[in-house]
């Protein structure tokens, strides 16, 4: 479960997910990701999913200042 909290309008929270497809036989040409969201209080929620070209980041070393740029 991924918890994302809301503080103020214009404040963005980012989560990065990385998948190792090396053990998948053949070539991976597409994938489906399913994310479900819910609110714990009255309000609205928006979400987006973007690609990241830089795959050299590590989960333990990722920070706001060194996060990879998001793509389309």
PDB file of N, CA and C in Angstrom:
ATOM      1  N   UNK A   1       0.837  -1.167   0.000  1.00  0.00           N
ATOM      2  CA  UNK A   1       0.000   0.000   0.000  1.00  0.00           C
ATOM      3  C   UNK A   1       0.887   1.236   0.000  1.00  0.00           C
ATOM      4  N   UNK A   2       0.482   2.225  -0.768  1.00  0.00           N
ATOM      5  CA  UNK A   2       1.203   3.485  -0.865  1.00  0.00           C
ATOM      6  C   UNK A   2       0.314   4.573  -0.289  1.00  0.00           C
ATOM      7  N   UNK A   3       0.751   5.211   0.771  1.00  0.00           N
ATOM      8  CA  UNK A   3       0.013   6.324   1.361  1.00  0.00           C
ATOM      9  C   UNK A   3       0.612   7.627   0.860  1.00  0.00           C
ATOM     10  N   UNK A   4      -0.231   8.502   0.363  1.00  0.00           N
ATOM     11  CA  UNK A   4       0.198   9.822  -0.081  1.00  0.00           C
ATOM     12  C   UNK A   4      -0.672  10.832   0.633  1.00  0.00           C
ATOM     13  N   UNK A   5      -0.053  11.749   1.343  1.00  0.00           N
ATOM     14  CA  UNK A   5      -0.846  12.706   2.106  1.00  0.00           C
ATOM     15  C   UNK A   5      -0.963  14.028   1.364  1.00  0.00           C
ATOM     16  N   UNK A   6      -1.989  14.770   1.703  1.00  0.00           N
ATOM     17  CA  UNK A   6      -2.283  16.066   1.102  1.00  0.00           C
ATOM     18  C   UNK A   6      -1.965  17.157   2.109  1.00  0.00           C
ATOM     19  N   UNK A   7      -1.187  18.121   1.689  1.00  0.00           N
ATOM     20  CA  UNK A   7      -0.871  19.242   2.577  1.00  0.00           C
ATOM     21  C   UNK A   7      -1.468  20.557   2.091  1.00  0.00           C
ATOM     22  N   UNK A   8      -1.271  20.873   0.821  1.00  0.00           N
ATOM     23  CA  UNK A   8      -1.733  22.162   0.304  1.00  0.00           C
ATOM     24  C   UNK A   8      -1.855  22.106  -1.212  1.00  0.00           C
ATOM     25  N   UNK A   9      -2.676  22.983  -1.748  1.00  0.00           N
ATOM     26  CA  UNK A   9      -2.830  23.089  -3.187  1.00  0.00           C
ATOM     27  C   UNK A   9      -1.484  23.406  -3.825  1.00  0.00           C
ATOM     28  N   UNK A  10      -1.153  22.713  -4.907  1.00  0.00           N
ATOM     29  CA  UNK A  10       0.105  22.943  -5.597  1.00  0.00           C
ATOM     30  C   UNK A  10       1.267  22.136  -5.061  1.00  0.00           C
ATOM     31  N   UNK A  11       1.062  21.427  -3.981  1.00  0.00           N
ATOM     32  CA  UNK A  11       2.115  20.593  -3.413  1.00  0.00           C
ATOM     33  C   UNK A  11       2.006  19.205  -4.025  1.00  0.00           C
ATOM     34  N   UNK A  12       3.032  18.783  -4.716  1.00  0.00           N
ATOM     35  CA  UNK A  12       3.010  17.490  -5.394  1.00  0.00           C
ATOM     36  C   UNK A  12       3.761  16.434  -4.592  1.00  0.00           C
ATOM     37  N   UNK A  13       3.259  15.236  -4.639  1.00  0.00           N
ATOM     38  CA  UNK A  13       3.929  14.075  -4.051  1.00  0.00           C
ATOM     39  C   UNK A  13       4.199  13.098  -5.179  1.00  0.00           C
ATOM     40  N   UNK A  14       5.403  12.576  -5.240  1.00  0.00           N
ATOM     41  CA  UNK A  14       5.769  11.632  -6.295  1.00  0.00           C
ATOM     42  C   UNK A  14       6.153  10.295  -5.692  1.00  0.00           C
ATOM     43  N   UNK A  15       5.768   9.235  -6.371  1.00  0.00           N
ATOM     44  CA  UNK A  15       6.188   7.881  -5.997  1.00  0.00           C
ATOM     45  C   UNK A  15       6.828   7.265  -7.222  1.00  0.00           C
ATOM     46  N   UNK A  16       7.919   6.573  -7.027  1.00  0.00           N
ATOM     47  CA  UNK A  16       8.634   5.935  -8.135  1.00  0.00           C
ATOM     48  C   UNK A  16       8.569   4.419  -7.970  1.00  0.00           C
ATOM     49  N   UNK A  17       8.217   3.740  -9.047  1.00  0.00           N
ATOM     50  CA  UNK A  17       8.164   2.280  -9.079  1.00  0.00           C
ATOM     51  C   UNK A  17       9.099   1.813 -10.187  1.00  0.00           C
ATOM     52  N   UNK A  18       9.832   0.773  -9.906  1.00  0.00           N
ATOM     53  CA  UNK A  18      10.758   0.226 -10.893  1.00  0.00           C
ATOM     54  C   UNK A  18      10.542  -1.262 -10.977  1.00  0.00           C
ATOM     55  N   UNK A  19      10.573  -1.795 -12.193  1.00  0.00           N
ATOM     56  CA  UNK A  19      10.320  -3.213 -12.407  1.00  0.00           C
ATOM     57  C   UNK A  19      11.483  -3.824 -13.170  1.00  0.00           C
ATOM     58  N   UNK A  20      11.983  -4.932 -12.666  1.00  0.00           N
ATOM     59  CA  UNK A  20      13.057  -5.661 -13.331  1.00  0.00           C
ATOM     60  C   UNK A  20      12.424  -6.717 -14.221  1.00  0.00           C
ATOM     61  N   UNK A  21      12.583  -6.552 -15.512  1.00  0.00           N
ATOM     62  CA  UNK A  21      11.997  -7.508 -16.461  1.00  0.00           C
ATOM     63  C   UNK A  21      13.039  -8.485 -17.017  1.00  0.00           C
ATOM     64  N   UNK A  22      14.238  -8.495 -16.433  1.00  0.00           N
ATOM     65  CA  UNK A  22      15.306  -9.367 -16.933  1.00  0.00           C
ATOM     66  C   UNK A  22      14.940 -10.842 -16.851  1.00  0.00           C
ATOM     67  N   UNK A  23      14.133 -11.225 -15.865  1.00  0.00           N
ATOM     68  CA  UNK A  23      13.793 -12.643 -15.717  1.00  0.00           C
ATOM     69  C   UNK A  23      12.606 -13.067 -16.588  1.00  0.00           C
ATOM     70  N   UNK A  24      12.004 -12.123 -17.289  1.00  0.00           N
ATOM     71  CA  UNK A  24      10.877 -12.444 -18.164  1.00  0.00           C
ATOM     72  C   UNK A  24      11.429 -12.951 -19.494  1.00  0.00           C
ATOM     73  N   UNK A  25      10.985 -14.158 -19.914  1.00  0.00           N
ATOM     74  CA  UNK A  25      11.492 -14.669 -21.193  1.00  0.00           C
ATOM     75  C   UNK A  25      11.007 -13.805 -22.362  1.00  0.00           C
ATOM     76  N   UNK A  26      11.868 -13.626 -23.346  1.00  0.00           N
ATOM     77  CA  UNK A  26      11.500 -12.841 -24.516  1.00  0.00           C
ATOM     78  C   UNK A  26      11.667 -11.352 -24.254  1.00  0.00           C
ATOM     79  N   UNK A  27      11.058 -10.556 -25.103  1.00  0.00           N
ATOM     80  CA  UNK A  27      11.163  -9.107 -25.018  1.00  0.00           C
ATOM     81  C   UNK A  27       9.853  -8.519 -24.503  1.00  0.00           C
ATOM     82  N   UNK A  28       9.930  -7.676 -23.502  1.00  0.00           N
ATOM     83  CA  UNK A  28       8.740  -7.018 -22.975  1.00  0.00           C
ATOM     84  C   UNK A  28       8.460  -5.799 -23.849  1.00  0.00           C
ATOM     85  N   UNK A  29       7.305  -5.769 -24.477  1.00  0.00           N
ATOM     86  CA  UNK A  29       6.943  -4.645 -25.349  1.00  0.00           C
ATOM     87  C   UNK A  29       5.850  -3.781 -24.751  1.00  0.00           C
ATOM     88  N   UNK A  30       5.136  -4.296 -23.753  1.00  0.00           N
ATOM     89  CA  UNK A  30       4.120  -3.495 -23.075  1.00  0.00           C
ATOM     90  C   UNK A  30       3.812  -4.122 -21.724  1.00  0.00           C
ATOM     91  N   UNK A  31       3.173  -3.334 -20.887  1.00  0.00           N
ATOM     92  CA  UNK A  31       2.788  -3.816 -19.555  1.00  0.00           C
ATOM     93  C   UNK A  31       1.566  -3.041 -19.093  1.00  0.00           C
ATOM     94  N   UNK A  32       0.783  -3.658 -18.231  1.00  0.00           N
ATOM     95  CA  UNK A  32      -0.376  -2.987 -17.644  1.00  0.00           C
ATOM     96  C   UNK A  32      -0.124  -2.788 -16.162  1.00  0.00           C
ATOM     97  N   UNK A  33      -0.297  -1.578 -15.714  1.00  0.00           N
ATOM     98  CA  UNK A  33      -0.187  -1.267 -14.296  1.00  0.00           C
ATOM     99  C   UNK A  33      -1.568  -0.823 -13.831  1.00  0.00           C
ATOM    100  N   UNK A  34      -2.009  -1.347 -12.724  1.00  0.00           N
ATOM    101  CA  UNK A  34      -3.312  -0.957 -12.187  1.00  0.00           C
ATOM    102  C   UNK A  34      -3.111  -0.353 -10.811  1.00  0.00           C
ATOM    103  N   UNK A  35      -3.500   0.882 -10.683  1.00  0.00           N
ATOM    104  CA  UNK A  35      -3.427   1.590  -9.423  1.00  0.00           C
ATOM    105  C   UNK A  35      -4.838   1.969  -9.000  1.00  0.00           C
ATOM    106  N   UNK A  36      -5.136   1.777  -7.760  1.00  0.00           N
ATOM    107  CA  UNK A  36      -6.437   2.140  -7.217  1.00  0.00           C
ATOM    108  C   UNK A  36      -6.225   3.175  -6.129  1.00  0.00           C
ATOM    109  N   UNK A  37      -7.083   4.170  -6.105  1.00  0.00           N
ATOM    110  CA  UNK A  37      -6.939   5.236  -5.116  1.00  0.00           C
ATOM    111  C   UNK A  37      -8.211   5.434  -4.330  1.00  0.00           C
ATOM    112  N   UNK A  38      -8.049   5.979  -3.173  1.00  0.00           N
ATOM    113  CA  UNK A  38      -9.192   6.287  -2.332  1.00  0.00           C
ATOM    114  C   UNK A  38      -8.880   7.447  -1.416  1.00  0.00           C
ATOM    115  N   UNK A  39      -9.921   8.087  -0.963  1.00  0.00           N
ATOM    116  CA  UNK A  39      -9.777   9.231  -0.062  1.00  0.00           C
ATOM    117  C   UNK A  39     -10.202   8.848   1.343  1.00  0.00           C
ATOM    118  N   UNK A  40      -9.493   9.374   2.321  1.00  0.00           N
ATOM    119  CA  UNK A  40      -9.885   9.147   3.715  1.00  0.00           C
ATOM    120  C   UNK A  40     -10.664  10.331   4.268  1.00  0.00           C
ATOM    121  N   UNK A  41     -10.774  11.386   3.468  1.00  0.00           N
ATOM    122  CA  UNK A  41     -11.531  12.569   3.868  1.00  0.00           C
ATOM    123  C   UNK A  41     -12.206  13.150   2.631  1.00  0.00           C
ATOM    124  N   UNK A  42     -13.147  14.038   2.831  1.00  0.00           N
ATOM    125  CA  UNK A  42     -13.842  14.671   1.721  1.00  0.00           C
ATOM    126  C   UNK A  42     -12.854  15.489   0.896  1.00  0.00           C
ATOM    127  N   UNK A  43     -12.962  15.380  -0.411  1.00  0.00           N
ATOM    128  CA  UNK A  43     -12.076  16.140  -1.284  1.00  0.00           C
ATOM    129  C   UNK A  43     -11.966  15.483  -2.642  1.00  0.00           C
ATOM    130  N   UNK A  44     -10.979  15.885  -3.392  1.00  0.00           N
ATOM    131  CA  UNK A  44     -10.738  15.312  -4.709  1.00  0.00           C
ATOM    132  C   UNK A  44      -9.312  14.793  -4.783  1.00  0.00           C
ATOM    133  N   UNK A  45      -9.073  13.974  -5.775  1.00  0.00           N
ATOM    134  CA  UNK A  45      -7.759  13.372  -5.947  1.00  0.00           C
ATOM    135  C   UNK A  45      -7.457  13.313  -7.436  1.00  0.00           C
ATOM    136  N   UNK A  46      -6.238  13.576  -7.815  1.00  0.00           N
ATOM    137  CA  UNK A  46      -5.820  13.373  -9.194  1.00  0.00           C
ATOM    138  C   UNK A  46      -4.511  12.595  -9.174  1.00  0.00           C
ATOM    139  N   UNK A  47      -4.279  11.861 -10.237  1.00  0.00           N
ATOM    140  CA  UNK A  47      -3.064  11.047 -10.318  1.00  0.00           C
ATOM    141  C   UNK A  47      -2.610  10.968 -11.765  1.00  0.00           C
ATOM    142  N   UNK A  48      -1.339  10.756 -11.958  1.00  0.00           N
ATOM    143  CA  UNK A  48      -0.783  10.571 -13.287  1.00  0.00           C
ATOM    144  C   UNK A  48       0.305   9.521 -13.234  1.00  0.00           C
ATOM    145  N   UNK A  49       0.536   8.879 -14.355  1.00  0.00           N
ATOM    146  CA  UNK A  49       1.596   7.876 -14.467  1.00  0.00           C
ATOM    147  C   UNK A  49       2.507   8.304 -15.612  1.00  0.00           C
ATOM    148  N   UNK A  50       3.802   8.357 -15.338  1.00  0.00           N
ATOM    149  CA  UNK A  50       4.766   8.832 -16.318  1.00  0.00           C
ATOM    150  C   UNK A  50       5.952   7.879 -16.391  1.00  0.00           C
ATOM    151  N   UNK A  51       6.585   7.836 -17.535  1.00  0.00           N
ATOM    152  CA  UNK A  51       7.777   7.009 -17.694  1.00  0.00           C
ATOM    153  C   UNK A  51       9.007   7.759 -17.184  1.00  0.00           C
ATOM    154  N   UNK A  52      10.052   7.004 -16.891  1.00  0.00           N
ATOM    155  CA  UNK A  52      11.331   7.574 -16.476  1.00  0.00           C
ATOM    156  C   UNK A  52      12.412   6.872 -17.290  1.00  0.00           C
ATOM    157  N   UNK A  53      13.176   7.631 -18.056  1.00  0.00           N
ATOM    158  CA  UNK A  53      14.216   7.048 -18.903  1.00  0.00           C
ATOM    159  C   UNK A  53      15.432   6.599 -18.098  1.00  0.00           C
ATOM    160  N   UNK A  54      15.757   7.336 -17.040  1.00  0.00           N
ATOM    161  CA  UNK A  54      16.921   7.011 -16.206  1.00  0.00           C
ATOM    162  C   UNK A  54      16.553   5.894 -15.248  1.00  0.00           C
ATOM    163  N   UNK A  55      17.141   4.724 -15.437  1.00  0.00           N
ATOM    164  CA  UNK A  55      16.852   3.564 -14.578  1.00  0.00           C
ATOM    165  C   UNK A  55      17.994   3.248 -13.624  1.00  0.00           C
ATOM    166  N   UNK A  56      18.919   4.165 -13.455  1.00  0.00           N
ATOM    167  CA  UNK A  56      20.086   3.906 -12.606  1.00  0.00           C
ATOM    168  C   UNK A  56      19.864   4.267 -11.139  1.00  0.00           C
ATOM    169  N   UNK A  57      18.706   4.791 -10.786  1.00  0.00           N
ATOM    170  CA  UNK A  57      18.438   5.185  -9.410  1.00  0.00           C
ATOM    171  C   UNK A  57      18.140   3.959  -8.547  1.00  0.00           C
ATOM    172  N   UNK A  58      18.417   4.098  -7.272  1.00  0.00           N
ATOM    173  CA  UNK A  58      18.121   3.003  -6.336  1.00  0.00           C
ATOM    174  C   UNK A  58      17.063   3.469  -5.347  1.00  0.00           C
ATOM    175  N   UNK A  59      16.306   2.540  -4.846  1.00  0.00           N
ATOM    176  CA  UNK A  59      15.235   2.857  -3.901  1.00  0.00           C
ATOM    177  C   UNK A  59      15.785   3.534  -2.648  1.00  0.00           C
ATOM    178  N   UNK A  60      16.900   3.038  -2.148  1.00  0.00           N
ATOM    179  CA  UNK A  60      17.451   3.593  -0.911  1.00  0.00           C
ATOM    180  C   UNK A  60      18.178   4.918  -1.136  1.00  0.00           C
ATOM    181  N   UNK A  61      18.568   5.221  -2.379  1.00  0.00           N
ATOM    182  CA  UNK A  61      19.319   6.440  -2.649  1.00  0.00           C
ATOM    183  C   UNK A  61      18.506   7.554  -3.285  1.00  0.00           C
ATOM    184  N   UNK A  62      17.234   7.313  -3.543  1.00  0.00           N
ATOM    185  CA  UNK A  62      16.403   8.303  -4.227  1.00  0.00           C
ATOM    186  C   UNK A  62      15.942   9.397  -3.272  1.00  0.00           C
ATOM    187  N   UNK A  63      16.089  10.645  -3.695  1.00  0.00           N
ATOM    188  CA  UNK A  63      15.613  11.774  -2.896  1.00  0.00           C
ATOM    189  C   UNK A  63      14.974  12.799  -3.838  1.00  0.00           C
ATOM    190  N   UNK A  64      14.350  13.814  -3.266  1.00  0.00           N
ATOM    191  CA  UNK A  64      13.716  14.848  -4.084  1.00  0.00           C
ATOM    192  C   UNK A  64      14.745  15.545  -4.973  1.00  0.00           C
ATOM    193  N   UNK A  65      15.942  15.766  -4.456  1.00  0.00           N
ATOM    194  CA  UNK A  65      16.947  16.513  -5.216  1.00  0.00           C
ATOM    195  C   UNK A  65      17.639  15.693  -6.298  1.00  0.00           C
ATOM    196  N   UNK A  66      17.633  14.360  -6.214  1.00  0.00           N
ATOM    197  CA  UNK A  66      18.296  13.566  -7.258  1.00  0.00           C
ATOM    198  C   UNK A  66      17.327  12.669  -8.032  1.00  0.00           C
ATOM    199  N   UNK A  67      16.024  12.919  -7.899  1.00  0.00           N
ATOM    200  CA  UNK A  67      15.027  12.093  -8.592  1.00  0.00           C
ATOM    201  C   UNK A  67      15.179  12.240 -10.108  1.00  0.00           C
ATOM    202  N   UNK A  68      14.940  11.180 -10.864  1.00  0.00           N
ATOM    203  CA  UNK A  68      15.027  11.268 -12.316  1.00  0.00           C
ATOM    204  C   UNK A  68      13.866  12.079 -12.888  1.00  0.00           C
ATOM    205  N   UNK A  69      14.128  12.723 -14.009  1.00  0.00           N
ATOM    206  CA  UNK A  69      13.091  13.508 -14.671  1.00  0.00           C
ATOM    207  C   UNK A  69      12.028  12.573 -15.248  1.00  0.00           C
ATOM    208  N   UNK A  70      10.786  12.996 -15.158  1.00  0.00           N
ATOM    209  CA  UNK A  70       9.692  12.176 -15.695  1.00  0.00           C
ATOM    210  C   UNK A  70       9.519  12.477 -17.176  1.00  0.00           C
ATOM    211  N   UNK A  71       9.073  11.456 -17.915  1.00  0.00           N
ATOM    212  CA  UNK A  71       8.827  11.585 -19.346  1.00  0.00           C
ATOM    213  C   UNK A  71       7.342  11.655 -19.624  1.00  0.00           C
ATOM    214  N   UNK A  72       6.958  11.145 -20.781  1.00  0.00           N
ATOM    215  CA  UNK A  72       5.563  11.210 -21.210  1.00  0.00           C
ATOM    216  C   UNK A  72       4.722  10.071 -20.712  1.00  0.00           C
TER     217      UNK A  72
END
